[in-house]
Amino acid sequence: MQNETANFPISLILFGLAMLVFIALVVMEKLKPYRRFPDEIEKESLLTNTTTFLFNNIILTALRVTSLYFVAQQFSSHGLLSDMGNHPVKWILSFLLYDLSIYAWHVANHKYSFLWRFHKVHHSDRSINVSTGFRFHVFDLFLEILYRCVFVILVGVDAYLVMVMESIQLFFIFFHHSNLSFKNEKWLSKFIITPYLHRTHHSTLRIEHDSNYGIVLAFWDKLFDTRKELVPENIGLDIIEAENCWQLFFLAFITEDHIRKLWRMIPKGRKP
């Protein structure tokens, strides 16, 4: 228990470094963006995403970190990897299983309508930039916390490893949402998720954004045939939009089917 407590400040330092990376990426986007969106859309995106973060992500991020940390403290002696010694093989296996579990959760969020109603909030951004990594519905985050706690219990991951993996994932969320492009990016995307790959995931077309589910490693999309390499024409949702924090919250309770039914109820004029 003492070793776990000693490692907690280290994990907080890693989280702080991830936030510094966020700031650096924001500056790089401003200096040399990959794609220029209209000023109105960029300002709306940054303001909405930032207020959303302040509204719910700070509280739930703290809840996620603390809940995963203390669940791991209680259950690290159980689970699939609990009998393995604390050495690099366990670290690598823990990370691979963790990344795979998040890939699976991401797929489920797109495949099941109940989860999609919350996850689509993340896809409602009409631009894609590093702040899009903050754009999540409060219920989406809460459900993911429960899912990750189950993972920690089943796998038996040490608490400090959970914190390190969370920090690595946060770094990649900021990185692959950034509005940037760089030399050899396509080559690098063979191994990790880059902005080039994740940009496709935010396409307005469902056939395009149901792809590239990986968070860190590009291997899972190759293995499960969910990888697409293309440049999306438009970013966001094709039917509904949200322009502020409150609209984002209620967007989860308005589905595409609701809009289509409402549209069909409106009388049509006679065709000439």
C-alpha atoms as a PDB file:
ATOM      1  CA  MET A   1       0.000   0.000   0.000  1.00  0.00           C
ATOM      2  CA  GLN A   2       2.868   2.386   0.828  1.00  0.00           C
ATOM      3  CA  ASN A   3       4.515   1.777  -2.550  1.00  0.00           C
ATOM      4  CA  GLU A   4       1.232   2.539  -4.309  1.00  0.00           C
ATOM      5  CA  THR A   5       0.820   5.763  -2.330  1.00  0.00           C
ATOM      6  CA  ALA A   6       4.379   6.799  -3.142  1.00  0.00           C
ATOM      7  CA  ASN A   7       3.679   6.325  -6.840  1.00  0.00           C
ATOM      8  CA  PHE A   8       0.571   8.539  -6.769  1.00  0.00           C
ATOM      9  CA  PRO A   9       2.519  11.858  -7.002  1.00  0.00           C
ATOM     10  CA  ILE A  10       4.478  10.461  -9.954  1.00  0.00           C
ATOM     11  CA  SER A  11       1.224   9.736 -11.747  1.00  0.00           C
ATOM     12  CA  LEU A  12       0.018  13.274 -11.044  1.00  0.00           C
ATOM     13  CA  ILE A  13       3.245  14.596 -12.562  1.00  0.00           C
ATOM     14  CA  LEU A  14       2.550  12.546 -15.696  1.00  0.00           C
ATOM     15  CA  PHE A  15      -0.957  14.010 -15.835  1.00  0.00           C
ATOM     16  CA  GLY A  16       0.522  17.486 -15.523  1.00  0.00           C
ATOM     17  CA  LEU A  17       2.908  16.748 -18.398  1.00  0.00           C
ATOM     18  CA  ALA A  18      -0.043  15.665 -20.530  1.00  0.00           C
ATOM     19  CA  MET A  19      -1.689  19.034 -19.861  1.00  0.00           C
ATOM     20  CA  LEU A  20       1.525  20.802 -20.907  1.00  0.00           C
ATOM     21  CA  VAL A  21       1.413  18.796 -24.129  1.00  0.00           C
ATOM     22  CA  PHE A  22      -2.150  20.052 -24.607  1.00  0.00           C
ATOM     23  CA  ILE A  23      -0.986  23.666 -24.353  1.00  0.00           C
ATOM     24  CA  ALA A  24       1.918  23.043 -26.746  1.00  0.00           C
ATOM     25  CA  LEU A  25      -0.413  21.455 -29.317  1.00  0.00           C
ATOM     26  CA  VAL A  26      -2.813  24.413 -29.096  1.00  0.00           C
ATOM     27  CA  VAL A  27       0.059  26.773 -29.906  1.00  0.00           C
ATOM     28  CA  MET A  28       1.260  24.578 -32.793  1.00  0.00           C
ATOM     29  CA  GLU A  29      -2.270  24.445 -34.235  1.00  0.00           C
ATOM     30  CA  LYS A  30      -2.450  28.227 -34.249  1.00  0.00           C
ATOM     31  CA  LEU A  31       0.947  28.621 -35.897  1.00  0.00           C
ATOM     32  CA  LYS A  32       0.587  25.962 -38.593  1.00  0.00           C
ATOM     33  CA  PRO A  33      -2.812  24.219 -38.770  1.00  0.00           C
ATOM     34  CA  TYR A  34      -3.361  21.288 -41.107  1.00  0.00           C
ATOM     35  CA  ARG A  35      -6.795  22.587 -42.137  1.00  0.00           C
ATOM     36  CA  ARG A  36      -8.247  26.059 -41.727  1.00  0.00           C
ATOM     37  CA  PHE A  37     -11.831  26.121 -40.514  1.00  0.00           C
ATOM     38  CA  PRO A  38     -13.974  29.286 -40.616  1.00  0.00           C
ATOM     39  CA  ASP A  39     -13.172  31.581 -37.677  1.00  0.00           C
ATOM     40  CA  GLU A  40     -16.723  31.312 -36.340  1.00  0.00           C
ATOM     41  CA  ILE A  41     -16.537  27.510 -36.228  1.00  0.00           C
ATOM     42  CA  GLU A  42     -13.079  27.518 -34.610  1.00  0.00           C
ATOM     43  CA  LYS A  43     -14.104  29.979 -31.882  1.00  0.00           C
ATOM     44  CA  GLU A  44     -17.362  28.115 -31.223  1.00  0.00           C
ATOM     45  CA  SER A  45     -15.488  24.808 -30.982  1.00  0.00           C
ATOM     46  CA  LEU A  46     -12.852  26.077 -28.568  1.00  0.00           C
ATOM     47  CA  LEU A  47     -15.362  27.884 -26.333  1.00  0.00           C
ATOM     48  CA  THR A  48     -17.848  24.994 -26.239  1.00  0.00           C
ATOM     49  CA  ASN A  49     -15.189  22.363 -25.620  1.00  0.00           C
ATOM     50  CA  THR A  50     -13.509  24.392 -22.890  1.00  0.00           C
ATOM     51  CA  THR A  51     -16.760  25.157 -21.042  1.00  0.00           C
ATOM     52  CA  THR A  52     -17.767  21.501 -21.352  1.00  0.00           C
ATOM     53  CA  PHE A  53     -14.469  20.542 -19.740  1.00  0.00           C
ATOM     54  CA  LEU A  54     -15.044  23.017 -16.925  1.00  0.00           C
ATOM     55  CA  PHE A  55     -18.650  21.877 -16.506  1.00  0.00           C
ATOM     56  CA  ASN A  56     -18.090  18.158 -16.134  1.00  0.00           C
ATOM     57  CA  ASN A  57     -14.663  16.872 -17.125  1.00  0.00           C
ATOM     58  CA  ILE A  58     -12.762  18.325 -14.185  1.00  0.00           C
ATOM     59  CA  ILE A  59     -15.086  16.597 -11.708  1.00  0.00           C
ATOM     60  CA  LEU A  60     -15.299  13.340 -13.625  1.00  0.00           C
ATOM     61  CA  THR A  61     -11.609  13.279 -14.505  1.00  0.00           C
ATOM     62  CA  ALA A  62     -10.836  13.511 -10.805  1.00  0.00           C
ATOM     63  CA  LEU A  63     -13.445  10.819 -10.122  1.00  0.00           C
ATOM     64  CA  ARG A  64     -11.997   8.559 -12.821  1.00  0.00           C
ATOM     65  CA  VAL A  65      -8.432   8.934 -11.612  1.00  0.00           C
ATOM     66  CA  THR A  66      -9.262   8.392  -7.955  1.00  0.00           C
ATOM     67  CA  SER A  67     -11.765   5.574  -8.527  1.00  0.00           C
ATOM     68  CA  LEU A  68      -9.437   3.640 -10.831  1.00  0.00           C
ATOM     69  CA  TYR A  69      -6.537   4.216  -8.468  1.00  0.00           C
ATOM     70  CA  PHE A  70      -8.339   2.968  -5.366  1.00  0.00           C
ATOM     71  CA  VAL A  71     -10.080   0.091  -7.176  1.00  0.00           C
ATOM     72  CA  ALA A  72      -6.658  -1.010  -8.375  1.00  0.00           C
ATOM     73  CA  GLN A  73      -5.308  -0.751  -4.842  1.00  0.00           C
ATOM     74  CA  GLN A  74      -8.047  -3.074  -3.598  1.00  0.00           C
ATOM     75  CA  PHE A  75      -8.052  -5.601  -6.460  1.00  0.00           C
ATOM     76  CA  SER A  76      -4.497  -5.666  -7.867  1.00  0.00           C
ATOM     77  CA  SER A  77      -3.948  -8.974  -6.074  1.00  0.00           C
ATOM     78  CA  HIS A  78      -6.773 -10.527  -8.097  1.00  0.00           C
ATOM     79  CA  GLY A  79      -7.395 -10.830 -11.794  1.00  0.00           C
ATOM     80  CA  LEU A  80      -5.662 -12.236 -14.842  1.00  0.00           C
ATOM     81  CA  LEU A  81      -2.177 -10.769 -14.292  1.00  0.00           C
ATOM     82  CA  SER A  82      -2.158 -10.637 -10.503  1.00  0.00           C
ATOM     83  CA  ASP A  83       0.244 -13.578 -10.112  1.00  0.00           C
ATOM     84  CA  MET A  84       2.872 -12.057 -12.384  1.00  0.00           C
ATOM     85  CA  GLY A  85       5.828 -10.283 -10.863  1.00  0.00           C
ATOM     86  CA  ASN A  86       6.243  -6.541 -11.218  1.00  0.00           C
ATOM     87  CA  HIS A  87       8.472  -6.505 -14.305  1.00  0.00           C
ATOM     88  CA  PRO A  88       8.390  -5.161 -17.906  1.00  0.00           C
ATOM     89  CA  VAL A  89       6.507  -8.192 -19.276  1.00  0.00           C
ATOM     90  CA  LYS A  90       3.577  -7.436 -16.970  1.00  0.00           C
ATOM     91  CA  TRP A  91       3.753  -3.743 -17.852  1.00  0.00           C
ATOM     92  CA  ILE A  92       3.579  -4.480 -21.572  1.00  0.00           C
ATOM     93  CA  LEU A  93       0.767  -7.028 -21.222  1.00  0.00           C
ATOM     94  CA  SER A  94      -1.199  -4.643 -18.989  1.00  0.00           C
ATOM     95  CA  PHE A  95      -0.863  -1.849 -21.515  1.00  0.00           C
ATOM     96  CA  LEU A  96      -1.824  -4.051 -24.484  1.00  0.00           C
ATOM     97  CA  LEU A  97      -4.942  -5.316 -22.688  1.00  0.00           C
ATOM     98  CA  TYR A  98      -5.811  -1.812 -21.564  1.00  0.00           C
ATOM     99  CA  ASP A  99      -5.504  -0.368 -25.064  1.00  0.00           C
ATOM    100  CA  LEU A 100      -7.517  -3.270 -26.496  1.00  0.00           C
ATOM    101  CA  SER A 101     -10.261  -2.758 -23.901  1.00  0.00           C
ATOM    102  CA  ILE A 102     -10.578   0.934 -24.799  1.00  0.00           C
ATOM    103  CA  TYR A 103     -10.678   0.029 -28.490  1.00  0.00           C
ATOM    104  CA  ALA A 104     -13.538  -2.404 -27.749  1.00  0.00           C
ATOM    105  CA  TRP A 105     -15.387   0.229 -25.700  1.00  0.00           C
ATOM    106  CA  HIS A 106     -15.003   2.731 -28.535  1.00  0.00           C
ATOM    107  CA  VAL A 107     -16.445   0.247 -31.039  1.00  0.00           C
ATOM    108  CA  ALA A 108     -19.383  -0.426 -28.710  1.00  0.00           C
ATOM    109  CA  ASN A 109     -20.074   3.307 -28.465  1.00  0.00           C
ATOM    110  CA  HIS A 110     -20.585   3.395 -32.226  1.00  0.00           C
ATOM    111  CA  LYS A 111     -22.458   0.106 -32.592  1.00  0.00           C
ATOM    112  CA  TYR A 112     -25.068   0.373 -29.817  1.00  0.00           C
ATOM    113  CA  SER A 113     -27.629   3.173 -30.017  1.00  0.00           C
ATOM    114  CA  PHE A 114     -27.837   3.678 -26.229  1.00  0.00           C
ATOM    115  CA  LEU A 115     -24.093   4.372 -26.019  1.00  0.00           C
ATOM    116  CA  TRP A 116     -24.008   6.321 -29.281  1.00  0.00           C
ATOM    117  CA  ARG A 117     -26.576   8.832 -28.028  1.00  0.00           C
ATOM    118  CA  PHE A 118     -23.944  10.002 -25.496  1.00  0.00           C
ATOM    119  CA  HIS A 119     -20.826   9.423 -27.583  1.00  0.00           C
ATOM    120  CA  LYS A 120     -22.159  11.406 -30.540  1.00  0.00           C
ATOM    121  CA  VAL A 121     -21.648  14.538 -28.440  1.00  0.00           C
ATOM    122  CA  HIS A 122     -17.933  14.037 -29.016  1.00  0.00           C
ATOM    123  CA  HIS A 123     -18.547  13.839 -32.778  1.00  0.00           C
ATOM    124  CA  SER A 124     -20.699  16.974 -32.901  1.00  0.00           C
ATOM    125  CA  ASP A 125     -17.685  19.290 -33.201  1.00  0.00           C
ATOM    126  CA  ARG A 126     -17.716  20.874 -36.681  1.00  0.00           C
ATOM    127  CA  SER A 127     -13.960  21.269 -36.534  1.00  0.00           C
ATOM    128  CA  ILE A 128     -11.337  18.959 -35.083  1.00  0.00           C
ATOM    129  CA  ASN A 129      -8.644  20.363 -32.833  1.00  0.00           C
ATOM    130  CA  VAL A 130      -6.860  19.466 -29.624  1.00  0.00           C
ATOM    131  CA  SER A 131      -9.762  20.822 -27.522  1.00  0.00           C
ATOM    132  CA  THR A 132     -12.078  18.239 -29.153  1.00  0.00           C
ATOM    133  CA  GLY A 133     -10.424  15.802 -26.743  1.00  0.00           C
ATOM    134  CA  PHE A 134     -12.416  17.541 -23.981  1.00  0.00           C
ATOM    135  CA  ARG A 135     -15.781  17.273 -25.752  1.00  0.00           C
ATOM    136  CA  PHE A 136     -17.624  14.414 -24.031  1.00  0.00           C
ATOM    137  CA  HIS A 137     -21.029  14.015 -22.455  1.00  0.00           C
ATOM    138  CA  VAL A 138     -21.007  13.656 -18.685  1.00  0.00           C
ATOM    139  CA  PHE A 139     -22.856  10.301 -18.907  1.00  0.00           C
ATOM    140  CA  ASP A 140     -20.408   9.048 -21.532  1.00  0.00           C
ATOM    141  CA  LEU A 141     -17.545   9.697 -19.123  1.00  0.00           C
ATOM    142  CA  PHE A 142     -19.397   8.145 -16.187  1.00  0.00           C
ATOM    143  CA  LEU A 143     -20.157   4.914 -18.070  1.00  0.00           C
ATOM    144  CA  GLU A 144     -16.550   4.705 -19.175  1.00  0.00           C
ATOM    145  CA  ILE A 145     -15.385   5.019 -15.568  1.00  0.00           C
ATOM    146  CA  LEU A 146     -17.496   1.982 -14.636  1.00  0.00           C
ATOM    147  CA  TYR A 147     -16.159   0.055 -17.633  1.00  0.00           C
ATOM    148  CA  ARG A 148     -12.547   0.818 -16.747  1.00  0.00           C
ATOM    149  CA  CYS A 149     -13.076  -0.188 -13.131  1.00  0.00           C
ATOM    150  CA  VAL A 150     -14.344  -3.578 -14.330  1.00  0.00           C
ATOM    151  CA  PHE A 151     -11.233  -3.882 -16.510  1.00  0.00           C
ATOM    152  CA  VAL A 152      -8.949  -3.124 -13.551  1.00  0.00           C
ATOM    153  CA  ILE A 153     -10.679  -5.772 -11.429  1.00  0.00           C
ATOM    154  CA  LEU A 154     -10.637  -8.479 -14.127  1.00  0.00           C
ATOM    155  CA  VAL A 155      -7.040  -7.911 -15.194  1.00  0.00           C
ATOM    156  CA  GLY A 156      -5.506  -7.148 -11.799  1.00  0.00           C
ATOM    157  CA  VAL A 157      -3.428  -4.107 -12.755  1.00  0.00           C
ATOM    158  CA  ASP A 158      -1.317  -2.326 -10.145  1.00  0.00           C
ATOM    159  CA  ALA A 159      -2.584   1.142  -9.205  1.00  0.00           C
ATOM    160  CA  TYR A 160       0.469   3.051 -10.390  1.00  0.00           C
ATOM    161  CA  LEU A 161       0.317   1.253 -13.765  1.00  0.00           C
ATOM    162  CA  VAL A 162      -3.301   2.345 -14.158  1.00  0.00           C
ATOM    163  CA  MET A 163      -2.280   5.956 -13.562  1.00  0.00           C
ATOM    164  CA  VAL A 164       0.594   5.751 -16.048  1.00  0.00           C
ATOM    165  CA  MET A 165      -1.648   4.189 -18.707  1.00  0.00           C
ATOM    166  CA  GLU A 166      -4.303   6.856 -18.133  1.00  0.00           C
ATOM    167  CA  SER A 167      -1.676   9.574 -18.639  1.00  0.00           C
ATOM    168  CA  ILE A 168      -0.377   7.967 -21.839  1.00  0.00           C
ATOM    169  CA  GLN A 169      -3.910   7.682 -23.182  1.00  0.00           C
ATOM    170  CA  LEU A 170      -4.638  11.332 -22.344  1.00  0.00           C
ATOM    171  CA  PHE A 171      -1.526  12.387 -24.245  1.00  0.00           C
ATOM    172  CA  PHE A 172      -2.656  10.451 -27.322  1.00  0.00           C
ATOM    173  CA  ILE A 173      -6.194  11.844 -27.134  1.00  0.00           C
ATOM    174  CA  PHE A 174      -4.751  15.347 -27.319  1.00  0.00           C
ATOM    175  CA  PHE A 175      -2.274  14.341 -30.030  1.00  0.00           C
ATOM    176  CA  HIS A 176      -4.586  12.594 -32.486  1.00  0.00           C
ATOM    177  CA  HIS A 177      -7.294  15.269 -32.204  1.00  0.00           C
ATOM    178  CA  SER A 178      -4.833  18.038 -33.000  1.00  0.00           C
ATOM    179  CA  ASN A 179      -5.267  19.969 -36.232  1.00  0.00           C
ATOM    180  CA  LEU A 180      -1.725  19.183 -37.324  1.00  0.00           C
ATOM    181  CA  SER A 181       0.186  17.301 -39.972  1.00  0.00           C
ATOM    182  CA  PHE A 182       3.871  16.502 -40.123  1.00  0.00           C
ATOM    183  CA  LYS A 183       6.510  14.724 -42.174  1.00  0.00           C
ATOM    184  CA  ASN A 184       6.339  10.907 -42.141  1.00  0.00           C
ATOM    185  CA  GLU A 185       2.940  10.994 -40.412  1.00  0.00           C
ATOM    186  CA  LYS A 186       1.495   8.324 -42.697  1.00  0.00           C
ATOM    187  CA  TRP A 187       4.451   6.053 -41.965  1.00  0.00           C
ATOM    188  CA  LEU A 188       4.050   6.630 -38.203  1.00  0.00           C
ATOM    189  CA  SER A 189       0.328   5.843 -38.483  1.00  0.00           C
ATOM    190  CA  LYS A 190       1.249   2.236 -39.242  1.00  0.00           C
ATOM    191  CA  PHE A 191       2.128   1.903 -35.561  1.00  0.00           C
ATOM    192  CA  ILE A 192       0.214   4.512 -33.558  1.00  0.00           C
ATOM    193  CA  ILE A 193      -2.941   6.582 -33.992  1.00  0.00           C
ATOM    194  CA  THR A 194      -2.074   9.931 -35.580  1.00  0.00           C
ATOM    195  CA  PRO A 195      -4.204  12.974 -36.545  1.00  0.00           C
ATOM    196  CA  TYR A 196      -4.151  11.634 -40.109  1.00  0.00           C
ATOM    197  CA  LEU A 197      -6.022   8.498 -39.015  1.00  0.00           C
ATOM    198  CA  HIS A 198      -8.293   9.978 -36.389  1.00  0.00           C
ATOM    199  CA  ARG A 199      -9.474  12.785 -38.672  1.00  0.00           C
ATOM    200  CA  THR A 200     -11.344  10.141 -40.685  1.00  0.00           C
ATOM    201  CA  HIS A 201     -13.060   9.031 -37.476  1.00  0.00           C
ATOM    202  CA  HIS A 202     -14.673  12.483 -37.216  1.00  0.00           C
ATOM    203  CA  SER A 203     -16.115  12.528 -40.723  1.00  0.00           C
ATOM    204  CA  THR A 204     -19.781  13.494 -41.083  1.00  0.00           C
ATOM    205  CA  LEU A 205     -20.359  10.278 -43.051  1.00  0.00           C
ATOM    206  CA  ARG A 206     -21.246   7.306 -40.849  1.00  0.00           C
ATOM    207  CA  ILE A 207     -19.526   4.891 -43.219  1.00  0.00           C
ATOM    208  CA  GLU A 208     -16.306   6.841 -42.631  1.00  0.00           C
ATOM    209  CA  HIS A 209     -16.514   7.695 -38.933  1.00  0.00           C
ATOM    210  CA  ASP A 210     -17.276   4.066 -38.029  1.00  0.00           C
ATOM    211  CA  SER A 211     -13.569   3.321 -38.377  1.00  0.00           C
ATOM    212  CA  ASN A 212     -10.168   3.978 -36.804  1.00  0.00           C
ATOM    213  CA  TYR A 213     -11.300   3.301 -33.243  1.00  0.00           C
ATOM    214  CA  GLY A 214      -7.810   2.957 -31.776  1.00  0.00           C
ATOM    215  CA  ILE A 215      -6.556   5.312 -29.087  1.00  0.00           C
ATOM    216  CA  VAL A 216      -2.825   4.570 -28.921  1.00  0.00           C
ATOM    217  CA  LEU A 217      -1.860   1.561 -31.046  1.00  0.00           C
ATOM    218  CA  ALA A 218      -2.862   1.276 -34.715  1.00  0.00           C
ATOM    219  CA  PHE A 219      -2.627  -2.524 -34.541  1.00  0.00           C
ATOM    220  CA  TRP A 220      -6.192  -3.165 -33.369  1.00  0.00           C
ATOM    221  CA  ASP A 221      -7.842  -1.471 -36.347  1.00  0.00           C
ATOM    222  CA  LYS A 222      -5.682  -3.549 -38.687  1.00  0.00           C
ATOM    223  CA  LEU A 223      -6.433  -6.747 -36.798  1.00  0.00           C
ATOM    224  CA  PHE A 224     -10.214  -6.221 -36.729  1.00  0.00           C
ATOM    225  CA  ASP A 225     -10.453  -4.633 -40.200  1.00  0.00           C
ATOM    226  CA  THR A 226     -11.759  -1.278 -38.986  1.00  0.00           C
ATOM    227  CA  ARG A 227      -8.984   0.862 -40.475  1.00  0.00           C
ATOM    228  CA  LYS A 228      -9.705   3.456 -43.156  1.00  0.00           C
ATOM    229  CA  GLU A 229      -7.224   5.837 -44.744  1.00  0.00           C
ATOM    230  CA  LEU A 230      -8.897   8.808 -46.424  1.00  0.00           C
ATOM    231  CA  VAL A 231      -9.371  12.550 -46.093  1.00  0.00           C
ATOM    232  CA  PRO A 232     -12.920  13.390 -44.915  1.00  0.00           C
ATOM    233  CA  GLU A 233     -14.697  16.156 -46.779  1.00  0.00           C
ATOM    234  CA  ASN A 234     -16.570  17.447 -43.734  1.00  0.00           C
ATOM    235  CA  ILE A 235     -16.202  17.113 -39.957  1.00  0.00           C
ATOM    236  CA  GLY A 236     -19.015  16.682 -37.412  1.00  0.00           C
ATOM    237  CA  LEU A 237     -22.532  15.234 -37.498  1.00  0.00           C
ATOM    238  CA  ASP A 238     -24.508  15.320 -40.731  1.00  0.00           C
ATOM    239  CA  ILE A 239     -27.951  16.027 -39.206  1.00  0.00           C
ATOM    240  CA  ILE A 240     -27.708  17.695 -35.808  1.00  0.00           C
ATOM    241  CA  GLU A 241     -25.384  20.262 -34.254  1.00  0.00           C
ATOM    242  CA  ALA A 242     -24.675  21.729 -30.840  1.00  0.00           C
ATOM    243  CA  GLU A 243     -23.311  25.225 -30.317  1.00  0.00           C
ATOM    244  CA  ASN A 244     -22.741  25.421 -26.556  1.00  0.00           C
ATOM    245  CA  CYS A 245     -22.271  23.373 -23.407  1.00  0.00           C
ATOM    246  CA  TRP A 246     -25.998  23.087 -22.599  1.00  0.00           C
ATOM    247  CA  GLN A 247     -26.923  22.058 -26.127  1.00  0.00           C
ATOM    248  CA  LEU A 248     -24.240  19.376 -25.894  1.00  0.00           C
ATOM    249  CA  PHE A 249     -25.834  17.971 -22.752  1.00  0.00           C
ATOM    250  CA  PHE A 250     -29.335  17.753 -24.257  1.00  0.00           C
ATOM    251  CA  LEU A 251     -28.021  16.535 -27.621  1.00  0.00           C
ATOM    252  CA  ALA A 252     -27.761  13.061 -26.070  1.00  0.00           C
ATOM    253  CA  PHE A 253     -31.531  12.943 -25.693  1.00  0.00           C
ATOM    254  CA  ILE A 254     -32.254  13.909 -29.302  1.00  0.00           C
ATOM    255  CA  THR A 255     -31.478  11.135 -31.744  1.00  0.00           C
ATOM    256  CA  GLU A 256     -31.284  11.170 -35.518  1.00  0.00           C
ATOM    257  CA  ASP A 257     -34.431   9.006 -35.587  1.00  0.00           C
ATOM    258  CA  HIS A 258     -36.330  11.662 -33.614  1.00  0.00           C
ATOM    259  CA  ILE A 259     -35.371  14.304 -36.151  1.00  0.00           C
ATOM    260  CA  ARG A 260     -36.300  12.113 -39.112  1.00  0.00           C
ATOM    261  CA  LYS A 261     -39.720  11.342 -37.579  1.00  0.00           C
ATOM    262  CA  LEU A 262     -40.317  15.036 -36.898  1.00  0.00           C
ATOM    263  CA  TRP A 263     -39.305  15.875 -40.453  1.00  0.00           C
ATOM    264  CA  ARG A 264     -41.791  13.344 -41.836  1.00  0.00           C
ATOM    265  CA  MET A 265     -44.575  14.926 -39.754  1.00  0.00           C
ATOM    266  CA  ILE A 266     -44.132  18.291 -41.480  1.00  0.00           C
ATOM    267  CA  PRO A 267     -46.621  18.570 -44.395  1.00  0.00           C
ATOM    268  CA  LYS A 268     -44.981  18.534 -47.790  1.00  0.00           C
ATOM    269  CA  GLY A 269     -46.013  20.855 -50.548  1.00  0.00           C
ATOM    270  CA  ARG A 270     -47.389  19.505 -53.774  1.00  0.00           C
ATOM    271  CA  LYS A 271     -44.811  18.555 -56.330  1.00  0.00           C
ATOM    272  CA  PRO A 272     -45.087  20.527 -59.570  1.00  0.00           C
END
